[in-house]
Structure formats: C-alpha cells, structure tokens
Amino acid sequence: MAGMNSRARNFGRWWTVCLFAVAMAWVEAAVVFDLRTMVDRLEPYQENPLPLIGRLGPVELVRELATLIMLLTVGVLAGKTWRARWGYALLAFGAWDIFYYAGLKVICGWPHSLLDWDILFLLPLPWWGPVLAPMLIALLMIIWGTLATQLPPVAVSRRATGMAWTAAGVGMLLALLVFMNDALRVADQGVPVIRQVLPTHFNWPLFLVALGGMAVPIVQLSISRWRHRQPVTAAAQLVER
C-alpha cells in the first residue's frame, strides 16, 4: 500500500511539473511573439536576430538566464533526492521547449515546418538550428526525467554511471558545437559580424552522433531496470510451473 501511495504521489508530481512547464511555455511563446513583433522578427531567420534597441539586448539575455533558473528551481522543489530533482528539472525543460514551439504555432503560425531555422539561445554566442533539433533533445529530457522520477532506483556501478554521463557530456558539447558552428567560425571578427551571420547548413550527421551520446544514460537506465526485473520474472515462471 505504501508503495502504491508513493507511486501515486510521484505521478502527481510528474503531472504538476508538466502543467507548470506547459503554462510557462505559453508565457514564453507570448513574450517572444511580442518581442519579435516589436523588432520585426516574426520570421527569426534574419540577420541581427535581436536588434540592440535601448536596453533590449541585455534584458533579453537576463530573461533567458532567468528562464533556465526557473526550470531548475521547479525540479528542486518537486524532487526529494538529487536524482529526482534533476529528473523533474529535465522533464520541465523538455516539456517547456516542445510546448513553446506549439504555442508559437498557435499564436502566429510559425514555425511553418520542423525544419525552419530558429535562433535558440544568445548565450554565450547565438545558437542556430532547425526547430526539430532542440525538440529531439527535449524529447530525450522528457524520457530520462520520467524514468528517473517514476521508477525506483536500481543499483548501478559508479563506473557504468560515470561512462554513461561522460558520453552524455560529450554529446552535449558536440550539440553546442553544431548549434554555434557559424558563430564560432567568425567569433574572432567581433560582435557586429557575429550578429550578421546566418547559417545555411546544419550538420545533421554530427548532431545525430551528439544525440546518441545524450541518449546513453537513458539506455543505461532502461537496461539496468530490465536486468533488475529478470530474476523476479524467472522466479514467477518457476512458481507457475
């Protein structure tokens, strides 16, 4: 009975975090719509994606940072262990990202397709990528966050865990390299040049390698859960016989 109550509470937290993320995604979409309307950037694939009008640039950069802090905070509040806290934070981030694009689609009809270019972040350099790319990463976040928060932990060696998260870290760095590739290419030419760069090619092969690296902790967690269940299944089959 206690186990069932615990699972029900965890599932309730899962839905609460998702509800928060969806509501926050709508707020984010509305803010971005207002901002892009003011600077004539409803179609984000344009040079100088955030014109430096007054204090608009610094305010927007701080807003992006504040958004990340809010998503991390809801994870900390929802989870009781650090594993669960990270799980809920990633769940919130993934749901927020996907429903942010859904909100923009409802509000202004953009993106027209999942391959439309978007300016993803401005820190520390502009990140450019097709809408599909961050949505795939967001899906991985939702899957890992769900597994980490809704299933009880199983014993896994520190070495295996370390290797899985090392692979994920390498994947994250590769993804950042792909997103910021064009900005990095002209980074030595100064901010004005960086702001005028528009990407023309997205390195899908390297991004898929990065995505595979980020998926390793999910695979490890799934395999660990499967191995943990095997003895129970075998015992149940013996009883049936």
C-alpha atoms as a PDB file:
ATOM      1  CA  MET A   1       0.000   0.000   0.000  1.00  0.00           C
ATOM      2  CA  ALA A   2       2.839   2.378   0.869  1.00  0.00           C
ATOM      3  CA  GLY A   3       4.483   1.640  -2.465  1.00  0.00           C
ATOM      4  CA  MET A   4       1.266   2.392  -4.339  1.00  0.00           C
ATOM      5  CA  ASN A   5       0.832   5.681  -2.464  1.00  0.00           C
ATOM      6  CA  SER A   6       4.428   6.638  -3.270  1.00  0.00           C
ATOM      7  CA  ARG A   7       3.923   5.912  -6.975  1.00  0.00           C
ATOM      8  CA  ALA A   8       0.694   7.933  -6.974  1.00  0.00           C
ATOM      9  CA  ARG A   9       2.470  10.899  -5.365  1.00  0.00           C
ATOM     10  CA  ASN A  10       5.310  10.688  -7.888  1.00  0.00           C
ATOM     11  CA  PHE A  11       2.830  10.537 -10.761  1.00  0.00           C
ATOM     12  CA  GLY A  12       1.016  13.544  -9.307  1.00  0.00           C
ATOM     13  CA  ARG A  13       4.280  15.486  -9.158  1.00  0.00           C
ATOM     14  CA  TRP A  14       5.004  14.459 -12.771  1.00  0.00           C
ATOM     15  CA  TRP A  15       1.705  15.936 -13.937  1.00  0.00           C
ATOM     16  CA  THR A  16       2.180  19.063 -11.807  1.00  0.00           C
ATOM     17  CA  VAL A  17       5.635  19.715 -13.252  1.00  0.00           C
ATOM     18  CA  CYS A  18       4.304  19.134 -16.776  1.00  0.00           C
ATOM     19  CA  LEU A  19       1.416  21.547 -16.141  1.00  0.00           C
ATOM     20  CA  PHE A  20       3.851  24.178 -14.901  1.00  0.00           C
ATOM     21  CA  ALA A  21       6.067  23.652 -17.963  1.00  0.00           C
ATOM     22  CA  VAL A  22       3.148  23.916 -20.409  1.00  0.00           C
ATOM     23  CA  ALA A  23       1.866  27.109 -18.765  1.00  0.00           C
ATOM     24  CA  MET A  24       5.371  28.574 -18.708  1.00  0.00           C
ATOM     25  CA  ALA A  25       5.809  27.611 -22.379  1.00  0.00           C
ATOM     26  CA  TRP A  26       2.730  29.661 -23.294  1.00  0.00           C
ATOM     27  CA  VAL A  27       4.064  32.651 -21.355  1.00  0.00           C
ATOM     28  CA  GLU A  28       7.421  32.269 -23.106  1.00  0.00           C
ATOM     29  CA  ALA A  29       5.766  31.996 -26.529  1.00  0.00           C
ATOM     30  CA  ALA A  30       3.668  35.106 -25.835  1.00  0.00           C
ATOM     31  CA  VAL A  31       6.724  37.095 -24.710  1.00  0.00           C
ATOM     32  CA  VAL A  32       8.736  36.009 -27.747  1.00  0.00           C
ATOM     33  CA  PHE A  33       5.812  36.850 -30.050  1.00  0.00           C
ATOM     34  CA  ASP A  34       5.561  40.343 -28.549  1.00  0.00           C
ATOM     35  CA  LEU A  35       9.326  40.830 -28.771  1.00  0.00           C
ATOM     36  CA  ARG A  36       9.603  39.618 -32.357  1.00  0.00           C
ATOM     37  CA  THR A  37       6.664  41.797 -33.353  1.00  0.00           C
ATOM     38  CA  MET A  38       8.383  44.875 -31.881  1.00  0.00           C
ATOM     39  CA  VAL A  39      11.674  44.210 -33.692  1.00  0.00           C
ATOM     40  CA  ASP A  40      10.081  42.860 -36.900  1.00  0.00           C
ATOM     41  CA  ARG A  41      11.477  39.361 -36.474  1.00  0.00           C
ATOM     42  CA  LEU A  42       8.392  37.107 -36.560  1.00  0.00           C
ATOM     43  CA  GLU A  43      10.433  35.079 -39.031  1.00  0.00           C
ATOM     44  CA  PRO A  44      13.596  34.608 -36.926  1.00  0.00           C
ATOM     45  CA  TYR A  45      15.847  33.596 -39.826  1.00  0.00           C
ATOM     46  CA  GLN A  46      17.155  37.131 -40.395  1.00  0.00           C
ATOM     47  CA  GLU A  47      20.405  38.926 -39.789  1.00  0.00           C
ATOM     48  CA  ASN A  48      20.749  40.683 -36.448  1.00  0.00           C
ATOM     49  CA  PRO A  49      18.095  38.498 -34.729  1.00  0.00           C
ATOM     50  CA  LEU A  50      17.880  40.799 -31.692  1.00  0.00           C
ATOM     51  CA  PRO A  51      18.416  44.451 -32.693  1.00  0.00           C
ATOM     52  CA  LEU A  52      20.120  46.458 -29.971  1.00  0.00           C
ATOM     53  CA  ILE A  53      17.308  48.908 -29.254  1.00  0.00           C
ATOM     54  CA  GLY A  54      17.904  50.669 -25.962  1.00  0.00           C
ATOM     55  CA  ARG A  55      18.407  48.084 -23.199  1.00  0.00           C
ATOM     56  CA  LEU A  56      16.519  45.365 -25.074  1.00  0.00           C
ATOM     57  CA  GLY A  57      19.581  43.189 -25.648  1.00  0.00           C
ATOM     58  CA  PRO A  58      20.803  42.938 -22.021  1.00  0.00           C
ATOM     59  CA  VAL A  59      17.247  42.495 -20.729  1.00  0.00           C
ATOM     60  CA  GLU A  60      16.611  39.630 -23.131  1.00  0.00           C
ATOM     61  CA  LEU A  61      19.858  37.879 -22.186  1.00  0.00           C
ATOM     62  CA  VAL A  62      18.960  38.050 -18.489  1.00  0.00           C
ATOM     63  CA  ARG A  63      15.452  36.783 -19.293  1.00  0.00           C
ATOM     64  CA  GLU A  64      16.935  33.697 -20.970  1.00  0.00           C
ATOM     65  CA  LEU A  65      19.069  33.012 -17.896  1.00  0.00           C
ATOM     66  CA  ALA A  66      16.063  33.554 -15.605  1.00  0.00           C
ATOM     67  CA  THR A  67      14.060  31.032 -17.635  1.00  0.00           C
ATOM     68  CA  LEU A  68      16.706  28.353 -17.067  1.00  0.00           C
ATOM     69  CA  ILE A  69      16.803  29.142 -13.344  1.00  0.00           C
ATOM     70  CA  MET A  70      13.003  28.807 -13.099  1.00  0.00           C
ATOM     71  CA  LEU A  71      13.055  25.380 -14.766  1.00  0.00           C
ATOM     72  CA  LEU A  72      15.837  24.202 -12.474  1.00  0.00           C
ATOM     73  CA  THR A  73      14.011  25.571  -9.427  1.00  0.00           C
ATOM     74  CA  VAL A  74      10.797  23.662 -10.133  1.00  0.00           C
ATOM     75  CA  GLY A  75      12.854  20.470 -10.340  1.00  0.00           C
ATOM     76  CA  VAL A  76      14.488  21.185  -6.999  1.00  0.00           C
ATOM     77  CA  LEU A  77      11.092  21.815  -5.407  1.00  0.00           C
ATOM     78  CA  ALA A  78       9.442  18.713  -6.887  1.00  0.00           C
ATOM     79  CA  GLY A  79      12.150  16.126  -6.149  1.00  0.00           C
ATOM     80  CA  LYS A  80      13.236  14.719  -2.808  1.00  0.00           C
ATOM     81  CA  THR A  81      16.598  13.353  -3.971  1.00  0.00           C
ATOM     82  CA  TRP A  82      19.141  14.907  -6.296  1.00  0.00           C
ATOM     83  CA  ARG A  83      18.343  12.254  -8.900  1.00  0.00           C
ATOM     84  CA  ALA A  84      14.655  13.131  -8.771  1.00  0.00           C
ATOM     85  CA  ARG A  85      15.379  16.866  -8.741  1.00  0.00           C
ATOM     86  CA  TRP A  86      17.439  16.627 -11.917  1.00  0.00           C
ATOM     87  CA  GLY A  87      14.795  14.355 -13.388  1.00  0.00           C
ATOM     88  CA  TYR A  88      11.972  16.814 -12.762  1.00  0.00           C
ATOM     89  CA  ALA A  89      14.122  19.735 -13.970  1.00  0.00           C
ATOM     90  CA  LEU A  90      14.858  17.963 -17.259  1.00  0.00           C
ATOM     91  CA  LEU A  91      11.217  16.932 -17.562  1.00  0.00           C
ATOM     92  CA  ALA A  92      10.180  20.570 -17.122  1.00  0.00           C
ATOM     93  CA  PHE A  93      12.770  21.790 -19.633  1.00  0.00           C
ATOM     94  CA  GLY A  94      11.764  19.231 -22.255  1.00  0.00           C
ATOM     95  CA  ALA A  95       8.032  19.856 -21.932  1.00  0.00           C
ATOM     96  CA  TRP A  96       8.566  23.624 -21.893  1.00  0.00           C
ATOM     97  CA  ASP A  97      10.654  23.522 -25.069  1.00  0.00           C
ATOM     98  CA  ILE A  98       8.196  21.424 -27.072  1.00  0.00           C
ATOM     99  CA  PHE A  99       5.102  23.350 -25.974  1.00  0.00           C
ATOM    100  CA  TYR A 100       6.899  26.653 -26.539  1.00  0.00           C
ATOM    101  CA  TYR A 101       7.003  25.873 -30.253  1.00  0.00           C
ATOM    102  CA  ALA A 102       3.424  24.611 -30.110  1.00  0.00           C
ATOM    103  CA  GLY A 103       2.425  27.928 -28.525  1.00  0.00           C
ATOM    104  CA  LEU A 104       4.166  29.964 -31.213  1.00  0.00           C
ATOM    105  CA  LYS A 105       2.454  27.878 -33.883  1.00  0.00           C
ATOM    106  CA  VAL A 106      -0.946  28.694 -32.355  1.00  0.00           C
ATOM    107  CA  ILE A 107      -0.155  32.381 -31.810  1.00  0.00           C
ATOM    108  CA  CYS A 108       1.439  33.340 -35.111  1.00  0.00           C
ATOM    109  CA  GLY A 109       1.574  30.288 -37.389  1.00  0.00           C
ATOM    110  CA  TRP A 110       5.347  29.864 -37.023  1.00  0.00           C
ATOM    111  CA  PRO A 111       7.206  27.520 -37.342  1.00  0.00           C
ATOM    112  CA  HIS A 112       5.927  26.544 -40.754  1.00  0.00           C
ATOM    113  CA  SER A 113       7.748  23.207 -40.534  1.00  0.00           C
ATOM    114  CA  LEU A 114      10.073  21.386 -38.150  1.00  0.00           C
ATOM    115  CA  LEU A 115      12.988  22.274 -40.419  1.00  0.00           C
ATOM    116  CA  ASP A 116      12.559  26.051 -40.075  1.00  0.00           C
ATOM    117  CA  TRP A 117      15.674  27.770 -38.692  1.00  0.00           C
ATOM    118  CA  ASP A 118      15.392  29.275 -35.232  1.00  0.00           C
ATOM    119  CA  ILE A 119      17.682  31.304 -33.010  1.00  0.00           C
ATOM    120  CA  LEU A 120      17.708  29.026 -29.957  1.00  0.00           C
ATOM    121  CA  PHE A 121      19.788  30.988 -27.430  1.00  0.00           C
ATOM    122  CA  LEU A 122      22.038  34.024 -27.407  1.00  0.00           C
ATOM    123  CA  LEU A 123      24.422  32.933 -24.631  1.00  0.00           C
ATOM    124  CA  PRO A 124      27.379  32.831 -24.940  1.00  0.00           C
ATOM    125  CA  LEU A 125      27.034  33.062 -28.742  1.00  0.00           C
ATOM    126  CA  PRO A 126      23.976  32.768 -30.983  1.00  0.00           C
ATOM    127  CA  TRP A 127      22.698  29.180 -31.331  1.00  0.00           C
ATOM    128  CA  TRP A 128      21.070  28.403 -34.675  1.00  0.00           C
ATOM    129  CA  GLY A 129      19.295  25.197 -35.610  1.00  0.00           C
ATOM    130  CA  PRO A 130      16.202  23.710 -37.230  1.00  0.00           C
ATOM    131  CA  VAL A 131      13.253  23.537 -34.835  1.00  0.00           C
ATOM    132  CA  LEU A 132      13.406  19.732 -34.977  1.00  0.00           C
ATOM    133  CA  ALA A 133      16.878  19.614 -33.388  1.00  0.00           C
ATOM    134  CA  PRO A 134      16.039  21.132 -29.965  1.00  0.00           C
ATOM    135  CA  MET A 135      12.744  19.239 -29.938  1.00  0.00           C
ATOM    136  CA  LEU A 136      14.621  15.925 -30.257  1.00  0.00           C
ATOM    137  CA  ILE A 137      16.834  16.894 -27.325  1.00  0.00           C
ATOM    138  CA  ALA A 138      13.730  17.925 -25.380  1.00  0.00           C
ATOM    139  CA  LEU A 139      12.200  14.502 -26.027  1.00  0.00           C
ATOM    140  CA  LEU A 140      15.285  12.831 -24.541  1.00  0.00           C
ATOM    141  CA  MET A 141      14.958  15.092 -21.489  1.00  0.00           C
ATOM    142  CA  ILE A 142      11.322  14.071 -21.008  1.00  0.00           C
ATOM    143  CA  ILE A 143      12.142  10.359 -21.320  1.00  0.00           C
ATOM    144  CA  TRP A 144      15.056  10.447 -18.872  1.00  0.00           C
ATOM    145  CA  GLY A 145      13.198  12.705 -16.472  1.00  0.00           C
ATOM    146  CA  THR A 146      10.216  10.349 -16.483  1.00  0.00           C
ATOM    147  CA  LEU A 147      12.347   7.242 -15.934  1.00  0.00           C
ATOM    148  CA  ALA A 148      14.371   8.916 -13.181  1.00  0.00           C
ATOM    149  CA  THR A 149      11.337  10.191 -11.271  1.00  0.00           C
ATOM    150  CA  GLN A 150       8.721   7.481 -11.776  1.00  0.00           C
ATOM    151  CA  LEU A 151      10.801   4.312 -11.347  1.00  0.00           C
ATOM    152  CA  PRO A 152      12.638   3.317  -8.161  1.00  0.00           C
ATOM    153  CA  PRO A 153      16.445   3.485  -8.433  1.00  0.00           C
ATOM    154  CA  VAL A 154      18.418   0.298  -9.023  1.00  0.00           C
ATOM    155  CA  ALA A 155      21.998  -0.499  -8.118  1.00  0.00           C
ATOM    156  CA  VAL A 156      24.358   0.552 -10.903  1.00  0.00           C
ATOM    157  CA  SER A 157      28.142   0.637 -10.674  1.00  0.00           C
ATOM    158  CA  ARG A 158      29.743   4.044 -10.433  1.00  0.00           C
ATOM    159  CA  ARG A 159      31.907   3.172 -13.406  1.00  0.00           C
ATOM    160  CA  ALA A 160      28.905   2.439 -15.628  1.00  0.00           C
ATOM    161  CA  THR A 161      27.147   5.588 -14.463  1.00  0.00           C
ATOM    162  CA  GLY A 162      30.267   7.664 -14.991  1.00  0.00           C
ATOM    163  CA  MET A 163      30.756   6.305 -18.513  1.00  0.00           C
ATOM    164  CA  ALA A 164      27.109   6.961 -19.414  1.00  0.00           C
ATOM    165  CA  TRP A 165      27.199  10.566 -18.250  1.00  0.00           C
ATOM    166  CA  THR A 166      30.599  11.121 -19.848  1.00  0.00           C
ATOM    167  CA  ALA A 167      29.065  10.044 -23.155  1.00  0.00           C
ATOM    168  CA  ALA A 168      26.135  12.393 -22.496  1.00  0.00           C
ATOM    169  CA  GLY A 169      28.525  15.246 -21.709  1.00  0.00           C
ATOM    170  CA  VAL A 170      30.441  14.673 -24.935  1.00  0.00           C
ATOM    171  CA  GLY A 171      27.111  14.603 -26.781  1.00  0.00           C
ATOM    172  CA  MET A 172      26.102  17.934 -25.232  1.00  0.00           C
ATOM    173  CA  LEU A 173      29.393  19.545 -26.247  1.00  0.00           C
ATOM    174  CA  LEU A 174      29.034  18.248 -29.796  1.00  0.00           C
ATOM    175  CA  ALA A 175      25.475  19.575 -29.974  1.00  0.00           C
ATOM    176  CA  LEU A 176      26.665  23.001 -28.779  1.00  0.00           C
ATOM    177  CA  LEU A 177      29.380  22.920 -31.414  1.00  0.00           C
ATOM    178  CA  VAL A 178      26.793  22.199 -34.117  1.00  0.00           C
ATOM    179  CA  PHE A 179      24.420  24.933 -32.896  1.00  0.00           C
ATOM    180  CA  MET A 180      27.155  27.572 -32.563  1.00  0.00           C
ATOM    181  CA  ASN A 181      29.297  26.479 -35.500  1.00  0.00           C
ATOM    182  CA  ASP A 182      28.615  29.522 -37.681  1.00  0.00           C
ATOM    183  CA  ALA A 183      29.079  31.969 -34.817  1.00  0.00           C
ATOM    184  CA  LEU A 184      32.330  30.276 -33.766  1.00  0.00           C
ATOM    185  CA  ARG A 185      33.629  30.488 -37.321  1.00  0.00           C
ATOM    186  CA  VAL A 186      33.558  34.303 -37.216  1.00  0.00           C
ATOM    187  CA  ALA A 187      33.965  34.794 -33.447  1.00  0.00           C
ATOM    188  CA  ASP A 188      37.373  36.464 -33.907  1.00  0.00           C
ATOM    189  CA  GLN A 189      35.824  39.157 -36.127  1.00  0.00           C
ATOM    190  CA  GLY A 190      33.796  40.781 -33.360  1.00  0.00           C
ATOM    191  CA  VAL A 191      30.185  41.061 -32.225  1.00  0.00           C
ATOM    192  CA  PRO A 192      28.870  43.049 -35.232  1.00  0.00           C
ATOM    193  CA  VAL A 193      29.966  40.286 -37.625  1.00  0.00           C
ATOM    194  CA  ILE A 194      28.609  37.522 -35.381  1.00  0.00           C
ATOM    195  CA  ARG A 195      25.209  39.219 -35.327  1.00  0.00           C
ATOM    196  CA  GLN A 196      25.023  39.272 -39.127  1.00  0.00           C
ATOM    197  CA  VAL A 197      25.818  35.581 -39.667  1.00  0.00           C
ATOM    198  CA  LEU A 198      23.030  33.380 -40.979  1.00  0.00           C
ATOM    199  CA  PRO A 199      23.548  29.595 -41.132  1.00  0.00           C
ATOM    200  CA  THR A 200      22.945  27.822 -44.413  1.00  0.00           C
ATOM    201  CA  HIS A 201      23.777  24.233 -43.477  1.00  0.00           C
ATOM    202  CA  PHE A 202      23.011  22.161 -40.394  1.00  0.00           C
ATOM    203  CA  ASN A 203      25.394  19.295 -39.660  1.00  0.00           C
ATOM    204  CA  TRP A 204      22.798  16.568 -39.143  1.00  0.00           C
ATOM    205  CA  PRO A 205      25.318  13.637 -39.077  1.00  0.00           C
ATOM    206  CA  LEU A 206      27.317  15.206 -36.240  1.00  0.00           C
ATOM    207  CA  PHE A 207      24.142  16.237 -34.450  1.00  0.00           C
ATOM    208  CA  LEU A 208      22.799  12.663 -34.582  1.00  0.00           C
ATOM    209  CA  VAL A 209      26.085  11.452 -33.079  1.00  0.00           C
ATOM    210  CA  ALA A 210      25.617  14.046 -30.335  1.00  0.00           C
ATOM    211  CA  LEU A 211      22.020  12.933 -29.822  1.00  0.00           C
ATOM    212  CA  GLY A 212      23.198   9.327 -29.499  1.00  0.00           C
ATOM    213  CA  GLY A 213      25.678  10.330 -26.807  1.00  0.00           C
ATOM    214  CA  MET A 214      22.983  12.178 -24.882  1.00  0.00           C
ATOM    215  CA  ALA A 215      20.738   9.105 -25.112  1.00  0.00           C
ATOM    216  CA  VAL A 216      23.297   6.801 -23.418  1.00  0.00           C
ATOM    217  CA  PRO A 217      22.030   7.479 -19.827  1.00  0.00           C
ATOM    218  CA  ILE A 218      18.504   6.559 -20.988  1.00  0.00           C
ATOM    219  CA  VAL A 219      19.764   3.304 -22.497  1.00  0.00           C
ATOM    220  CA  GLN A 220      21.781   2.521 -19.371  1.00  0.00           C
ATOM    221  CA  LEU A 221      18.831   3.235 -17.094  1.00  0.00           C
ATOM    222  CA  SER A 222      16.496   1.096 -19.223  1.00  0.00           C
ATOM    223  CA  ILE A 223      18.946  -1.842 -19.332  1.00  0.00           C
ATOM    224  CA  SER A 224      19.509  -1.624 -15.581  1.00  0.00           C
ATOM    225  CA  ARG A 225      15.768  -1.724 -14.954  1.00  0.00           C
ATOM    226  CA  TRP A 226      15.358  -4.694 -17.311  1.00  0.00           C
ATOM    227  CA  ARG A 227      18.167  -6.662 -15.641  1.00  0.00           C
ATOM    228  CA  HIS A 228      16.723  -5.857 -12.239  1.00  0.00           C
ATOM    229  CA  ARG A 229      13.380  -7.371 -13.239  1.00  0.00           C
ATOM    230  CA  GLN A 230      14.823 -10.546 -14.758  1.00  0.00           C
ATOM    231  CA  PRO A 231      15.226 -12.569 -11.516  1.00  0.00           C
ATOM    232  CA  VAL A 232      11.673 -11.686 -10.480  1.00  0.00           C
ATOM    233  CA  THR A 233      10.293 -12.836 -13.825  1.00  0.00           C
ATOM    234  CA  ALA A 234      12.239 -16.076 -13.674  1.00  0.00           C
ATOM    235  CA  ALA A 235      11.027 -16.779 -10.131  1.00  0.00           C
ATOM    236  CA  ALA A 236       7.444 -16.115 -11.164  1.00  0.00           C
ATOM    237  CA  GLN A 237       7.768 -18.598 -14.034  1.00  0.00           C
ATOM    238  CA  LEU A 238       9.038 -21.295 -11.611  1.00  0.00           C
ATOM    239  CA  VAL A 239       6.051 -20.714  -9.321  1.00  0.00           C
ATOM    240  CA  GLU A 240       3.656 -21.028 -12.250  1.00  0.00           C
ATOM    241  CA  ARG A 241       5.207 -24.386 -13.177  1.00  0.00           C
END
